[in-house]
Amino acid sequence: MRIRTLLELGLRVRDRRLEMGMSQAQLADRVGVSRQWVVNLERGNAGAALGQVMQVLDILKLDMHLRDRRTGRRTGEPRGPRRSVSYDDVAAFLDEVLSRTRDPEPEDGEPHQRTPLRRLEQD
């Protein structure tokens, strides 16, 4: 649900509070504010401290996500599509990186004997 105004936020808080069967007084008690404060929040009146609004959202099991209006992405989202990576892919990558950064090639020209990451875990 897109929320662009204090009133929309207040209406969503009210709807969720009612879904949870909670009265304004009960919510106010849990947040540590007056019932009138909850009334004002639900009506979209300015003046509610952000910290207390966040407490309300936490009690009502709601999250707030910020979205960049230009791109439509949530802030903090990766720019590209998410790609799942298997444990084997990560292990192979780390083996390769570690083999390049550990020790220089031996003087006799023979390659290093590398221990795969999966084997290290079991030792």
PDB file of N, CA and C in Angstrom:
ATOM      1  N   MET A   1       0.846  -1.177   0.000  1.00  0.00           N
ATOM      2  CA  MET A   1       0.000   0.000   0.000  1.00  0.00           C
ATOM      3  C   MET A   1       0.887   1.235   0.000  1.00  0.00           C
ATOM      4  N   ARG A   2       0.613   2.147  -0.889  1.00  0.00           N
ATOM      5  CA  ARG A   2       1.382   3.377  -0.975  1.00  0.00           C
ATOM      6  C   ARG A   2       0.798   4.396   0.004  1.00  0.00           C
ATOM      7  N   ILE A   3       1.666   4.972   0.808  1.00  0.00           N
ATOM      8  CA  ILE A   3       1.252   5.979   1.784  1.00  0.00           C
ATOM      9  C   ILE A   3       2.027   7.242   1.472  1.00  0.00           C
ATOM     10  N   ARG A   4       1.293   8.302   1.134  1.00  0.00           N
ATOM     11  CA  ARG A   4       1.950   9.562   0.772  1.00  0.00           C
ATOM     12  C   ARG A   4       1.627  10.706   1.712  1.00  0.00           C
ATOM     13  N   THR A   5       0.634  10.531   2.552  1.00  0.00           N
ATOM     14  CA  THR A   5       0.252  11.623   3.447  1.00  0.00           C
ATOM     15  C   THR A   5       0.121  11.092   4.867  1.00  0.00           C
ATOM     16  N   LEU A   6       0.110  12.018   5.816  1.00  0.00           N
ATOM     17  CA  LEU A   6      -0.104  11.626   7.207  1.00  0.00           C
ATOM     18  C   LEU A   6      -1.474  11.004   7.401  1.00  0.00           C
ATOM     19  N   LEU A   7      -2.447  11.494   6.671  1.00  0.00           N
ATOM     20  CA  LEU A   7      -3.794  10.930   6.790  1.00  0.00           C
ATOM     21  C   LEU A   7      -3.805   9.475   6.322  1.00  0.00           C
ATOM     22  N   GLU A   8      -3.151   9.176   5.201  1.00  0.00           N
ATOM     23  CA  GLU A   8      -3.094   7.796   4.721  1.00  0.00           C
ATOM     24  C   GLU A   8      -2.394   6.894   5.741  1.00  0.00           C
ATOM     25  N   LEU A   9      -1.330   7.392   6.364  1.00  0.00           N
ATOM     26  CA  LEU A   9      -0.647   6.630   7.397  1.00  0.00           C
ATOM     27  C   LEU A   9      -1.583   6.394   8.575  1.00  0.00           C
ATOM     28  N   GLY A  10      -2.274   7.438   8.994  1.00  0.00           N
ATOM     29  CA  GLY A  10      -3.209   7.322  10.112  1.00  0.00           C
ATOM     30  C   GLY A  10      -4.324   6.333   9.839  1.00  0.00           C
ATOM     31  N   LEU A  11      -4.848   6.357   8.612  1.00  0.00           N
ATOM     32  CA  LEU A  11      -5.921   5.425   8.262  1.00  0.00           C
ATOM     33  C   LEU A  11      -5.412   3.983   8.254  1.00  0.00           C
ATOM     34  N   ARG A  12      -4.182   3.783   7.790  1.00  0.00           N
ATOM     35  CA  ARG A  12      -3.608   2.424   7.794  1.00  0.00           C
ATOM     36  C   ARG A  12      -3.379   1.942   9.227  1.00  0.00           C
ATOM     37  N   VAL A  13      -2.926   2.839  10.088  1.00  0.00           N
ATOM     38  CA  VAL A  13      -2.739   2.488  11.502  1.00  0.00           C
ATOM     39  C   VAL A  13      -4.086   2.107  12.109  1.00  0.00           C
ATOM     40  N   ARG A  14      -5.107   2.905  11.846  1.00  0.00           N
ATOM     41  CA  ARG A  14      -6.438   2.611  12.396  1.00  0.00           C
ATOM     42  C   ARG A  14      -6.955   1.269  11.901  1.00  0.00           C
ATOM     43  N   ASP A  15      -6.844   1.032  10.578  1.00  0.00           N
ATOM     44  CA  ASP A  15      -7.322  -0.230  10.012  1.00  0.00           C
ATOM     45  C   ASP A  15      -6.617  -1.423  10.658  1.00  0.00           C
ATOM     46  N   ARG A  16      -5.307  -1.323  10.809  1.00  0.00           N
ATOM     47  CA  ARG A  16      -4.554  -2.435  11.395  1.00  0.00           C
ATOM     48  C   ARG A  16      -4.914  -2.628  12.872  1.00  0.00           C
ATOM     49  N   ARG A  17      -5.062  -1.518  13.593  1.00  0.00           N
ATOM     50  CA  ARG A  17      -5.431  -1.604  15.011  1.00  0.00           C
ATOM     51  C   ARG A  17      -6.756  -2.331  15.157  1.00  0.00           C
ATOM     52  N   LEU A  18      -7.717  -1.993  14.296  1.00  0.00           N
ATOM     53  CA  LEU A  18      -9.021  -2.645  14.348  1.00  0.00           C
ATOM     54  C   LEU A  18      -8.924  -4.120  13.941  1.00  0.00           C
ATOM     55  N   GLU A  19      -8.085  -4.431  12.930  1.00  0.00           N
ATOM     56  CA  GLU A  19      -7.866  -5.827  12.533  1.00  0.00           C
ATOM     57  C   GLU A  19      -7.360  -6.651  13.712  1.00  0.00           C
ATOM     58  N   MET A  20      -6.524  -6.028  14.544  1.00  0.00           N
ATOM     59  CA  MET A  20      -5.933  -6.725  15.687  1.00  0.00           C
ATOM     60  C   MET A  20      -6.842  -6.697  16.911  1.00  0.00           C
ATOM     61  N   GLY A  21      -8.019  -6.058  16.787  1.00  0.00           N
ATOM     62  CA  GLY A  21      -8.968  -6.010  17.889  1.00  0.00           C
ATOM     63  C   GLY A  21      -8.501  -5.154  19.050  1.00  0.00           C
ATOM     64  N   MET A  22      -7.753  -4.130  18.744  1.00  0.00           N
ATOM     65  CA  MET A  22      -7.175  -3.283  19.789  1.00  0.00           C
ATOM     66  C   MET A  22      -7.906  -1.934  19.811  1.00  0.00           C
ATOM     67  N   SER A  23      -8.184  -1.440  20.991  1.00  0.00           N
ATOM     68  CA  SER A  23      -8.817  -0.124  21.120  1.00  0.00           C
ATOM     69  C   SER A  23      -7.742   0.963  21.046  1.00  0.00           C
ATOM     70  N   GLN A  24      -8.184   2.185  20.835  1.00  0.00           N
ATOM     71  CA  GLN A  24      -7.248   3.317  20.854  1.00  0.00           C
ATOM     72  C   GLN A  24      -6.571   3.420  22.218  1.00  0.00           C
ATOM     73  N   ALA A  25      -7.331   3.192  23.264  1.00  0.00           N
ATOM     74  CA  ALA A  25      -6.775   3.283  24.619  1.00  0.00           C
ATOM     75  C   ALA A  25      -5.713   2.207  24.854  1.00  0.00           C
ATOM     76  N   GLN A  26      -5.960   0.991  24.362  1.00  0.00           N
ATOM     77  CA  GLN A  26      -4.976  -0.079  24.528  1.00  0.00           C
ATOM     78  C   GLN A  26      -3.684   0.235  23.780  1.00  0.00           C
ATOM     79  N   LEU A  27      -3.818   0.725  22.547  1.00  0.00           N
ATOM     80  CA  LEU A  27      -2.637   1.087  21.774  1.00  0.00           C
ATOM     81  C   LEU A  27      -1.886   2.219  22.457  1.00  0.00           C
ATOM     82  N   ALA A  28      -2.624   3.212  22.921  1.00  0.00           N
ATOM     83  CA  ALA A  28      -2.000   4.354  23.610  1.00  0.00           C
ATOM     84  C   ALA A  28      -1.229   3.884  24.839  1.00  0.00           C
ATOM     85  N   ASP A  29      -1.799   2.961  25.589  1.00  0.00           N
ATOM     86  CA  ASP A  29      -1.142   2.440  26.785  1.00  0.00           C
ATOM     87  C   ASP A  29       0.162   1.733  26.429  1.00  0.00           C
ATOM     88  N   ARG A  30       0.147   0.955  25.358  1.00  0.00           N
ATOM     89  CA  ARG A  30       1.357   0.215  24.960  1.00  0.00           C
ATOM     90  C   ARG A  30       2.445   1.144  24.458  1.00  0.00           C
ATOM     91  N   VAL A  31       2.064   2.256  23.821  1.00  0.00           N
ATOM     92  CA  VAL A  31       3.057   3.205  23.312  1.00  0.00           C
ATOM     93  C   VAL A  31       3.507   4.162  24.409  1.00  0.00           C
ATOM     94  N   GLY A  32       2.653   4.357  25.402  1.00  0.00           N
ATOM     95  CA  GLY A  32       2.981   5.296  26.470  1.00  0.00           C
ATOM     96  C   GLY A  32       2.567   6.717  26.146  1.00  0.00           C
ATOM     97  N   VAL A  33       1.440   6.834  25.441  1.00  0.00           N
ATOM     98  CA  VAL A  33       0.906   8.148  25.071  1.00  0.00           C
ATOM     99  C   VAL A  33      -0.567   8.191  25.469  1.00  0.00           C
ATOM    100  N   SER A  34      -1.189   9.346  25.273  1.00  0.00           N
ATOM    101  CA  SER A  34      -2.614   9.461  25.589  1.00  0.00           C
ATOM    102  C   SER A  34      -3.454   8.905  24.439  1.00  0.00           C
ATOM    103  N   ARG A  35      -4.712   8.595  24.750  1.00  0.00           N
ATOM    104  CA  ARG A  35      -5.621   8.145  23.701  1.00  0.00           C
ATOM    105  C   ARG A  35      -5.808   9.234  22.659  1.00  0.00           C
ATOM    106  N   GLN A  36      -5.794  10.503  23.111  1.00  0.00           N
ATOM    107  CA  GLN A  36      -5.952  11.619  22.175  1.00  0.00           C
ATOM    108  C   GLN A  36      -4.796  11.656  21.168  1.00  0.00           C
ATOM    109  N   TRP A  37      -3.608  11.259  21.603  1.00  0.00           N
ATOM    110  CA  TRP A  37      -2.458  11.208  20.694  1.00  0.00           C
ATOM    111  C   TRP A  37      -2.737  10.204  19.577  1.00  0.00           C
ATOM    112  N   VAL A  38      -3.296   9.028  19.928  1.00  0.00           N
ATOM    113  CA  VAL A  38      -3.635   8.019  18.926  1.00  0.00           C
ATOM    114  C   VAL A  38      -4.718   8.560  17.996  1.00  0.00           C
ATOM    115  N   VAL A  39      -5.718   9.229  18.560  1.00  0.00           N
ATOM    116  CA  VAL A  39      -6.775   9.844  17.746  1.00  0.00           C
ATOM    117  C   VAL A  39      -6.160  10.798  16.730  1.00  0.00           C
ATOM    118  N   ASN A  40      -5.252  11.656  17.189  1.00  0.00           N
ATOM    119  CA  ASN A  40      -4.608  12.620  16.286  1.00  0.00           C
ATOM    120  C   ASN A  40      -3.793  11.919  15.200  1.00  0.00           C
ATOM    121  N   LEU A  41      -3.075  10.869  15.575  1.00  0.00           N
ATOM    122  CA  LEU A  41      -2.305  10.120  14.581  1.00  0.00           C
ATOM    123  C   LEU A  41      -3.237   9.523  13.528  1.00  0.00           C
ATOM    124  N   GLU A  42      -4.316   8.900  13.966  1.00  0.00           N
ATOM    125  CA  GLU A  42      -5.245   8.272  13.031  1.00  0.00           C
ATOM    126  C   GLU A  42      -5.951   9.291  12.142  1.00  0.00           C
ATOM    127  N   ARG A  43      -6.057  10.523  12.588  1.00  0.00           N
ATOM    128  CA  ARG A  43      -6.668  11.585  11.779  1.00  0.00           C
ATOM    129  C   ARG A  43      -5.649  12.273  10.887  1.00  0.00           C
ATOM    130  N   GLY A  44      -4.379  11.877  11.008  1.00  0.00           N
ATOM    131  CA  GLY A  44      -3.351  12.461  10.156  1.00  0.00           C
ATOM    132  C   GLY A  44      -2.866  13.811  10.616  1.00  0.00           C
ATOM    133  N   ASN A  45      -3.127  14.142  11.873  1.00  0.00           N
ATOM    134  CA  ASN A  45      -2.674  15.427  12.394  1.00  0.00           C
ATOM    135  C   ASN A  45      -1.169  15.388  12.636  1.00  0.00           C
ATOM    136  N   ALA A  46      -0.496  16.444  12.230  1.00  0.00           N
ATOM    137  CA  ALA A  46       0.945  16.534  12.447  1.00  0.00           C
ATOM    138  C   ALA A  46       1.216  16.701  13.933  1.00  0.00           C
ATOM    139  N   GLY A  47       2.413  16.428  14.338  1.00  0.00           N
ATOM    140  CA  GLY A  47       2.785  16.634  15.724  1.00  0.00           C
ATOM    141  C   GLY A  47       3.172  15.353  16.432  1.00  0.00           C
ATOM    142  N   ALA A  48       2.897  14.208  15.825  1.00  0.00           N
ATOM    143  CA  ALA A  48       3.286  12.941  16.447  1.00  0.00           C
ATOM    144  C   ALA A  48       4.790  12.761  16.258  1.00  0.00           C
ATOM    145  N   ALA A  49       5.491  12.479  17.343  1.00  0.00           N
ATOM    146  CA  ALA A  49       6.931  12.257  17.260  1.00  0.00           C
ATOM    147  C   ALA A  49       7.204  10.986  16.469  1.00  0.00           C
ATOM    148  N   LEU A  50       8.189  11.039  15.601  1.00  0.00           N
ATOM    149  CA  LEU A  50       8.489   9.903  14.733  1.00  0.00           C
ATOM    150  C   LEU A  50       8.813   8.648  15.543  1.00  0.00           C
ATOM    151  N   GLY A  51       9.529   8.804  16.633  1.00  0.00           N
ATOM    152  CA  GLY A  51       9.855   7.646  17.456  1.00  0.00           C
ATOM    153  C   GLY A  51       8.612   6.938  17.968  1.00  0.00           C
ATOM    154  N   GLN A  52       7.625   7.715  18.349  1.00  0.00           N
ATOM    155  CA  GLN A  52       6.381   7.119  18.834  1.00  0.00           C
ATOM    156  C   GLN A  52       5.596   6.495  17.688  1.00  0.00           C
ATOM    157  N   VAL A  53       5.634   7.108  16.512  1.00  0.00           N
ATOM    158  CA  VAL A  53       4.972   6.519  15.344  1.00  0.00           C
ATOM    159  C   VAL A  53       5.615   5.172  15.030  1.00  0.00           C
ATOM    160  N   MET A  54       6.939   5.103  15.118  1.00  0.00           N
ATOM    161  CA  MET A  54       7.630   3.837  14.851  1.00  0.00           C
ATOM    162  C   MET A  54       7.239   2.782  15.882  1.00  0.00           C
ATOM    163  N   GLN A  55       7.030   3.189  17.140  1.00  0.00           N
ATOM    164  CA  GLN A  55       6.565   2.250  18.165  1.00  0.00           C
ATOM    165  C   GLN A  55       5.185   1.704  17.799  1.00  0.00           C
ATOM    166  N   VAL A  56       4.308   2.592  17.323  1.00  0.00           N
ATOM    167  CA  VAL A  56       2.968   2.167  16.915  1.00  0.00           C
ATOM    168  C   VAL A  56       3.076   1.125  15.810  1.00  0.00           C
ATOM    169  N   LEU A  57       3.910   1.403  14.797  1.00  0.00           N
ATOM    170  CA  LEU A  57       4.061   0.461  13.685  1.00  0.00           C
ATOM    171  C   LEU A  57       4.609  -0.871  14.180  1.00  0.00           C
ATOM    172  N   ASP A  58       5.533  -0.828  15.126  1.00  0.00           N
ATOM    173  CA  ASP A  58       6.104  -2.058  15.674  1.00  0.00           C
ATOM    174  C   ASP A  58       5.036  -2.867  16.420  1.00  0.00           C
ATOM    175  N   ILE A  59       4.262  -2.212  17.246  1.00  0.00           N
ATOM    176  CA  ILE A  59       3.209  -2.895  18.017  1.00  0.00           C
ATOM    177  C   ILE A  59       2.177  -3.519  17.078  1.00  0.00           C
ATOM    178  N   LEU A  60       1.871  -2.814  15.987  1.00  0.00           N
ATOM    179  CA  LEU A  60       0.869  -3.306  15.041  1.00  0.00           C
ATOM    180  C   LEU A  60       1.481  -4.234  13.987  1.00  0.00           C
ATOM    181  N   LYS A  61       2.763  -4.573  14.150  1.00  0.00           N
ATOM    182  CA  LYS A  61       3.460  -5.492  13.240  1.00  0.00           C
ATOM    183  C   LYS A  61       3.437  -4.985  11.797  1.00  0.00           C
ATOM    184  N   LEU A  62       3.705  -3.681  11.645  1.00  0.00           N
ATOM    185  CA  LEU A  62       3.766  -3.063  10.323  1.00  0.00           C
ATOM    186  C   LEU A  62       5.190  -2.580  10.065  1.00  0.00           C
ATOM    187  N   ASP A  63       5.608  -2.650   8.817  1.00  0.00           N
ATOM    188  CA  ASP A  63       6.912  -2.135   8.412  1.00  0.00           C
ATOM    189  C   ASP A  63       6.708  -0.908   7.545  1.00  0.00           C
ATOM    190  N   MET A  64       7.700  -0.049   7.548  1.00  0.00           N
ATOM    191  CA  MET A  64       7.672   1.118   6.684  1.00  0.00           C
ATOM    192  C   MET A  64       8.844   0.998   5.725  1.00  0.00           C
ATOM    193  N   HIS A  65       8.563   1.086   4.452  1.00  0.00           N
ATOM    194  CA  HIS A  65       9.602   1.022   3.435  1.00  0.00           C
ATOM    195  C   HIS A  65       9.594   2.325   2.658  1.00  0.00           C
ATOM    196  N   LEU A  66      10.763   2.849   2.408  1.00  0.00           N
ATOM    197  CA  LEU A  66      10.873   4.059   1.613  1.00  0.00           C
ATOM    198  C   LEU A  66      11.157   3.666   0.170  1.00  0.00           C
ATOM    199  N   ARG A  67      10.474   4.326  -0.753  1.00  0.00           N
ATOM    200  CA  ARG A  67      10.604   4.016  -2.172  1.00  0.00           C
ATOM    201  C   ARG A  67      11.004   5.285  -2.921  1.00  0.00           C
ATOM    202  N   ASP A  68      11.969   5.131  -3.804  1.00  0.00           N
ATOM    203  CA  ASP A  68      12.404   6.243  -4.649  1.00  0.00           C
ATOM    204  C   ASP A  68      11.322   6.479  -5.695  1.00  0.00           C
ATOM    205  N   ARG A  69      10.692   7.626  -5.693  1.00  0.00           N
ATOM    206  CA  ARG A  69       9.589   7.903  -6.622  1.00  0.00           C
ATOM    207  C   ARG A  69      10.059   7.924  -8.072  1.00  0.00           C
ATOM    208  N   ARG A  70      11.322   8.241  -8.281  1.00  0.00           N
ATOM    209  CA  ARG A  70      11.828   8.304  -9.655  1.00  0.00           C
ATOM    210  C   ARG A  70      12.003   6.919 -10.255  1.00  0.00           C
ATOM    211  N   THR A  71      12.514   5.981  -9.468  1.00  0.00           N
ATOM    212  CA  THR A  71      12.819   4.649 -10.003  1.00  0.00           C
ATOM    213  C   THR A  71      11.805   3.596  -9.594  1.00  0.00           C
ATOM    214  N   GLY A  72      11.044   3.858  -8.532  1.00  0.00           N
ATOM    215  CA  GLY A  72      10.096   2.876  -8.036  1.00  0.00           C
ATOM    216  C   GLY A  72      10.723   1.817  -7.143  1.00  0.00           C
ATOM    217  N   ARG A  73      12.046   1.887  -6.950  1.00  0.00           N
ATOM    218  CA  ARG A  73      12.732   0.907  -6.103  1.00  0.00           C
ATOM    219  C   ARG A  73      12.712   1.362  -4.666  1.00  0.00           C
ATOM    220  N   ARG A  74      12.649   0.377  -3.770  1.00  0.00           N
ATOM    221  CA  ARG A  74      12.802   0.694  -2.360  1.00  0.00           C
ATOM    222  C   ARG A  74      14.236   1.112  -2.122  1.00  0.00           C
ATOM    223  N   THR A  75      14.427   2.061  -1.221  1.00  0.00           N
ATOM    224  CA  THR A  75      15.793   2.462  -0.912  1.00  0.00           C
ATOM    225  C   THR A  75      16.501   1.281  -0.275  1.00  0.00           C
ATOM    226  N   GLY A  76      17.738   1.085  -0.671  1.00  0.00           N
ATOM    227  CA  GLY A  76      18.521  -0.021  -0.151  1.00  0.00           C
ATOM    228  C   GLY A  76      18.375  -1.303  -0.956  1.00  0.00           C
ATOM    229  N   GLU A  77      17.464  -1.338  -1.926  1.00  0.00           N
ATOM    230  CA  GLU A  77      17.321  -2.524  -2.764  1.00  0.00           C
ATOM    231  C   GLU A  77      18.479  -2.598  -3.744  1.00  0.00           C
ATOM    232  N   PRO A  78      18.916  -3.794  -4.075  1.00  0.00           N
ATOM    233  CA  PRO A  78      19.962  -3.901  -5.093  1.00  0.00           C
ATOM    234  C   PRO A  78      19.444  -3.375  -6.426  1.00  0.00           C
ATOM    235  N   ARG A  79      20.341  -2.854  -7.230  1.00  0.00           N
ATOM    236  CA  ARG A  79      19.923  -2.268  -8.503  1.00  0.00           C
ATOM    237  C   ARG A  79      19.551  -3.312  -9.540  1.00  0.00           C
ATOM    238  N   GLY A  80      20.213  -4.431  -9.523  1.00  0.00           N
ATOM    239  CA  GLY A  80      19.929  -5.471 -10.506  1.00  0.00           C
ATOM    240  C   GLY A  80      19.054  -6.550  -9.916  1.00  0.00           C
ATOM    241  N   PRO A  81      18.709  -7.542 -10.750  1.00  0.00           N
ATOM    242  CA  PRO A  81      17.913  -8.640 -10.219  1.00  0.00           C
ATOM    243  C   PRO A  81      18.733  -9.451  -9.222  1.00  0.00           C
ATOM    244  N   ARG A  82      18.068  -9.986  -8.239  1.00  0.00           N
ATOM    245  CA  ARG A  82      18.756 -10.818  -7.256  1.00  0.00           C
ATOM    246  C   ARG A  82      19.090 -12.153  -7.886  1.00  0.00           C
ATOM    247  N   ARG A  83      20.263 -12.633  -7.557  1.00  0.00           N
ATOM    248  CA  ARG A  83      20.711 -13.903  -8.094  1.00  0.00           C
ATOM    249  C   ARG A  83      21.100 -14.784  -6.928  1.00  0.00           C
ATOM    250  N   SER A  84      20.545 -15.973  -6.900  1.00  0.00           N
ATOM    251  CA  SER A  84      20.937 -16.868  -5.817  1.00  0.00           C
ATOM    252  C   SER A  84      22.260 -17.517  -6.198  1.00  0.00           C
ATOM    253  N   VAL A  85      23.084 -17.703  -5.200  1.00  0.00           N
ATOM    254  CA  VAL A  85      24.400 -18.278  -5.408  1.00  0.00           C
ATOM    255  C   VAL A  85      24.493 -19.513  -4.527  1.00  0.00           C
ATOM    256  N   SER A  86      24.955 -20.584  -5.117  1.00  0.00           N
ATOM    257  CA  SER A  86      25.054 -21.821  -4.347  1.00  0.00           C
ATOM    258  C   SER A  86      26.289 -21.788  -3.456  1.00  0.00           C
ATOM    259  N   TYR A  87      26.274 -22.639  -2.460  1.00  0.00           N
ATOM    260  CA  TYR A  87      27.421 -22.770  -1.571  1.00  0.00           C
ATOM    261  C   TYR A  87      28.654 -23.176  -2.374  1.00  0.00           C
ATOM    262  N   ASP A  88      28.483 -24.093  -3.338  1.00  0.00           N
ATOM    263  CA  ASP A  88      29.609 -24.553  -4.144  1.00  0.00           C
ATOM    264  C   ASP A  88      30.221 -23.409  -4.953  1.00  0.00           C
ATOM    265  N   ASP A  89      29.369 -22.516  -5.497  1.00  0.00           N
ATOM    266  CA  ASP A  89      29.884 -21.361  -6.235  1.00  0.00           C
ATOM    267  C   ASP A  89      30.720 -20.464  -5.331  1.00  0.00           C
ATOM    268  N   VAL A  90      30.223 -20.216  -4.126  1.00  0.00           N
ATOM    269  CA  VAL A  90      30.952 -19.367  -3.180  1.00  0.00           C
ATOM    270  C   VAL A  90      32.261 -20.034  -2.781  1.00  0.00           C
ATOM    271  N   ALA A  91      32.217 -21.322  -2.494  1.00  0.00           N
ATOM    272  CA  ALA A  91      33.425 -22.049  -2.100  1.00  0.00           C
ATOM    273  C   ALA A  91      34.466 -22.015  -3.212  1.00  0.00           C
ATOM    274  N   ALA A  92      34.037 -22.236  -4.443  1.00  0.00           N
ATOM    275  CA  ALA A  92      34.976 -22.210  -5.571  1.00  0.00           C
ATOM    276  C   ALA A  92      35.574 -20.814  -5.747  1.00  0.00           C
ATOM    277  N   PHE A  93      34.751 -19.795  -5.616  1.00  0.00           N
ATOM    278  CA  PHE A  93      35.249 -18.425  -5.740  1.00  0.00           C
ATOM    279  C   PHE A  93      36.273 -18.121  -4.658  1.00  0.00           C
ATOM    280  N   LEU A  94      35.959 -18.488  -3.419  1.00  0.00           N
ATOM    281  CA  LEU A  94      36.892 -18.225  -2.316  1.00  0.00           C
ATOM    282  C   LEU A  94      38.173 -19.027  -2.473  1.00  0.00           C
ATOM    283  N   ASP A  95      38.067 -20.265  -2.921  1.00  0.00           N
ATOM    284  CA  ASP A  95      39.274 -21.059  -3.183  1.00  0.00           C
ATOM    285  C   ASP A  95      40.172 -20.347  -4.185  1.00  0.00           C
ATOM    286  N   GLU A  96      39.564 -19.834  -5.229  1.00  0.00           N
ATOM    287  CA  GLU A  96      40.334 -19.139  -6.276  1.00  0.00           C
ATOM    288  C   GLU A  96      40.985 -17.879  -5.733  1.00  0.00           C
ATOM    289  N   VAL A  97      40.226 -17.083  -5.009  1.00  0.00           N
ATOM    290  CA  VAL A  97      40.768 -15.845  -4.444  1.00  0.00           C
ATOM    291  C   VAL A  97      41.895 -16.149  -3.475  1.00  0.00           C
ATOM    292  N   LEU A  98      41.672 -17.113  -2.589  1.00  0.00           N
ATOM    293  CA  LEU A  98      42.699 -17.447  -1.604  1.00  0.00           C
ATOM    294  C   LEU A  98      43.952 -17.997  -2.263  1.00  0.00           C
ATOM    295  N   SER A  99      43.799 -18.754  -3.334  1.00  0.00           N
ATOM    296  CA  SER A  99      44.978 -19.310  -3.993  1.00  0.00           C
ATOM    297  C   SER A  99      45.822 -18.208  -4.623  1.00  0.00           C
ATOM    298  N   ARG A 100      45.208 -17.126  -5.022  1.00  0.00           N
ATOM    299  CA  ARG A 100      45.949 -16.022  -5.636  1.00  0.00           C
ATOM    300  C   ARG A 100      46.586 -15.104  -4.608  1.00  0.00           C
ATOM    301  N   THR A 101      46.057 -15.086  -3.404  1.00  0.00           N
ATOM    302  CA  THR A 101      46.540 -14.121  -2.419  1.00  0.00           C
ATOM    303  C   THR A 101      47.396 -14.736  -1.322  1.00  0.00           C
ATOM    304  N   ARG A 102      47.394 -16.055  -1.180  1.00  0.00           N
ATOM    305  CA  ARG A 102      48.130 -16.683  -0.080  1.00  0.00           C
ATOM    306  C   ARG A 102      49.625 -16.516  -0.228  1.00  0.00           C
ATOM    307  N   ASP A 103      50.223 -17.381  -0.997  1.00  0.00           N
ATOM    308  CA  ASP A 103      51.673 -17.396  -1.162  1.00  0.00           C
ATOM    309  C   ASP A 103      51.999 -17.256  -2.639  1.00  0.00           C
ATOM    310  N   PRO A 104      53.135 -16.659  -2.928  1.00  0.00           N
ATOM    311  CA  PRO A 104      53.544 -16.637  -4.336  1.00  0.00           C
ATOM    312  C   PRO A 104      53.855 -18.056  -4.800  1.00  0.00           C
ATOM    313  N   GLU A 105      53.902 -18.238  -6.101  1.00  0.00           N
ATOM    314  CA  GLU A 105      54.240 -19.554  -6.654  1.00  0.00           C
ATOM    315  C   GLU A 105      55.593 -20.000  -6.116  1.00  0.00           C
ATOM    316  N   PRO A 106      55.745 -21.273  -5.819  1.00  0.00           N
ATOM    317  CA  PRO A 106      57.047 -21.765  -5.355  1.00  0.00           C
ATOM    318  C   PRO A 106      58.115 -21.566  -6.427  1.00  0.00           C
ATOM    319  N   GLU A 107      59.347 -21.460  -5.984  1.00  0.00           N
ATOM    320  CA  GLU A 107      60.447 -21.210  -6.917  1.00  0.00           C
ATOM    321  C   GLU A 107      60.680 -22.364  -7.869  1.00  0.00           C
ATOM    322  N   ASP A 108      60.288 -23.558  -7.495  1.00  0.00           N
ATOM    323  CA  ASP A 108      60.521 -24.699  -8.378  1.00  0.00           C
ATOM    324  C   ASP A 108      59.521 -24.747  -9.536  1.00  0.00           C
ATOM    325  N   GLY A 109      58.584 -23.794  -9.566  1.00  0.00           N
ATOM    326  CA  GLY A 109      57.638 -23.711 -10.670  1.00  0.00           C
ATOM    327  C   GLY A 109      56.430 -24.613 -10.536  1.00  0.00           C
ATOM    328  N   GLU A 110      56.420 -25.465  -9.516  1.00  0.00           N
ATOM    329  CA  GLU A 110      55.283 -26.347  -9.305  1.00  0.00           C
ATOM    330  C   GLU A 110      54.118 -25.549  -8.704  1.00  0.00           C
ATOM    331  N   PRO A 111      52.895 -25.799  -9.150  1.00  0.00           N
ATOM    332  CA  PRO A 111      51.752 -25.068  -8.565  1.00  0.00           C
ATOM    333  C   PRO A 111      51.541 -25.476  -7.110  1.00  0.00           C
ATOM    334  N   HIS A 112      50.891 -24.589  -6.375  1.00  0.00           N
ATOM    335  CA  HIS A 112      50.559 -24.867  -4.971  1.00  0.00           C
ATOM    336  C   HIS A 112      49.615 -26.044  -4.877  1.00  0.00           C
ATOM    337  N   GLN A 113      49.740 -26.744  -3.780  1.00  0.00           N
ATOM    338  CA  GLN A 113      48.744 -27.747  -3.451  1.00  0.00           C
ATOM    339  C   GLN A 113      47.664 -27.016  -2.657  1.00  0.00           C
ATOM    340  N   ARG A 114      46.484 -26.847  -3.237  1.00  0.00           N
ATOM    341  CA  ARG A 114      45.432 -26.095  -2.565  1.00  0.00           C
ATOM    342  C   ARG A 114      44.484 -27.030  -1.837  1.00  0.00           C
ATOM    343  N   THR A 115      44.009 -26.560  -0.694  1.00  0.00           N
ATOM    344  CA  THR A 115      43.017 -27.302   0.062  1.00  0.00           C
ATOM    345  C   THR A 115      41.655 -26.676  -0.222  1.00  0.00           C
ATOM    346  N   PRO A 116      40.749 -27.434  -0.800  1.00  0.00           N
ATOM    347  CA  PRO A 116      39.430 -26.852  -1.074  1.00  0.00           C
ATOM    348  C   PRO A 116      38.761 -26.379   0.214  1.00  0.00           C
ATOM    349  N   LEU A 117      38.000 -25.314   0.106  1.00  0.00           N
ATOM    350  CA  LEU A 117      37.326 -24.719   1.255  1.00  0.00           C
ATOM    351  C   LEU A 117      36.411 -25.731   1.944  1.00  0.00           C
ATOM    352  N   ARG A 118      35.726 -26.558   1.170  1.00  0.00           N
ATOM    353  CA  ARG A 118      34.804 -27.529   1.782  1.00  0.00           C
ATOM    354  C   ARG A 118      35.554 -28.483   2.709  1.00  0.00           C
ATOM    355  N   ARG A 119      36.771 -28.877   2.340  1.00  0.00           N
ATOM    356  CA  ARG A 119      37.545 -29.759   3.186  1.00  0.00           C
ATOM    357  C   ARG A 119      38.018 -29.077   4.463  1.00  0.00           C
ATOM    358  N   LEU A 120      38.322 -27.788   4.364  1.00  0.00           N
ATOM    359  CA  LEU A 120      38.754 -27.041   5.547  1.00  0.00           C
ATOM    360  C   LEU A 120      37.658 -27.018   6.607  1.00  0.00           C
ATOM    361  N   GLU A 121      36.411 -26.880   6.158  1.00  0.00           N
ATOM    362  CA  GLU A 121      35.302 -26.817   7.109  1.00  0.00           C
ATOM    363  C   GLU A 121      35.187 -28.096   7.923  1.00  0.00           C
ATOM    364  N   GLN A 122      35.459 -29.215   7.316  1.00  0.00           N
ATOM    365  CA  GLN A 122      35.276 -30.496   7.979  1.00  0.00           C
ATOM    366  C   GLN A 122      36.396 -30.799   8.959  1.00  0.00           C
ATOM    367  N   ASP A 123      37.572 -30.203   8.793  1.00  0.00           N
ATOM    368  CA  ASP A 123      38.724 -30.464   9.672  1.00  0.00           C
ATOM    369  C   ASP A 123      38.546 -29.849  11.031  1.00  0.00           C
TER     370      ASP A 123
END
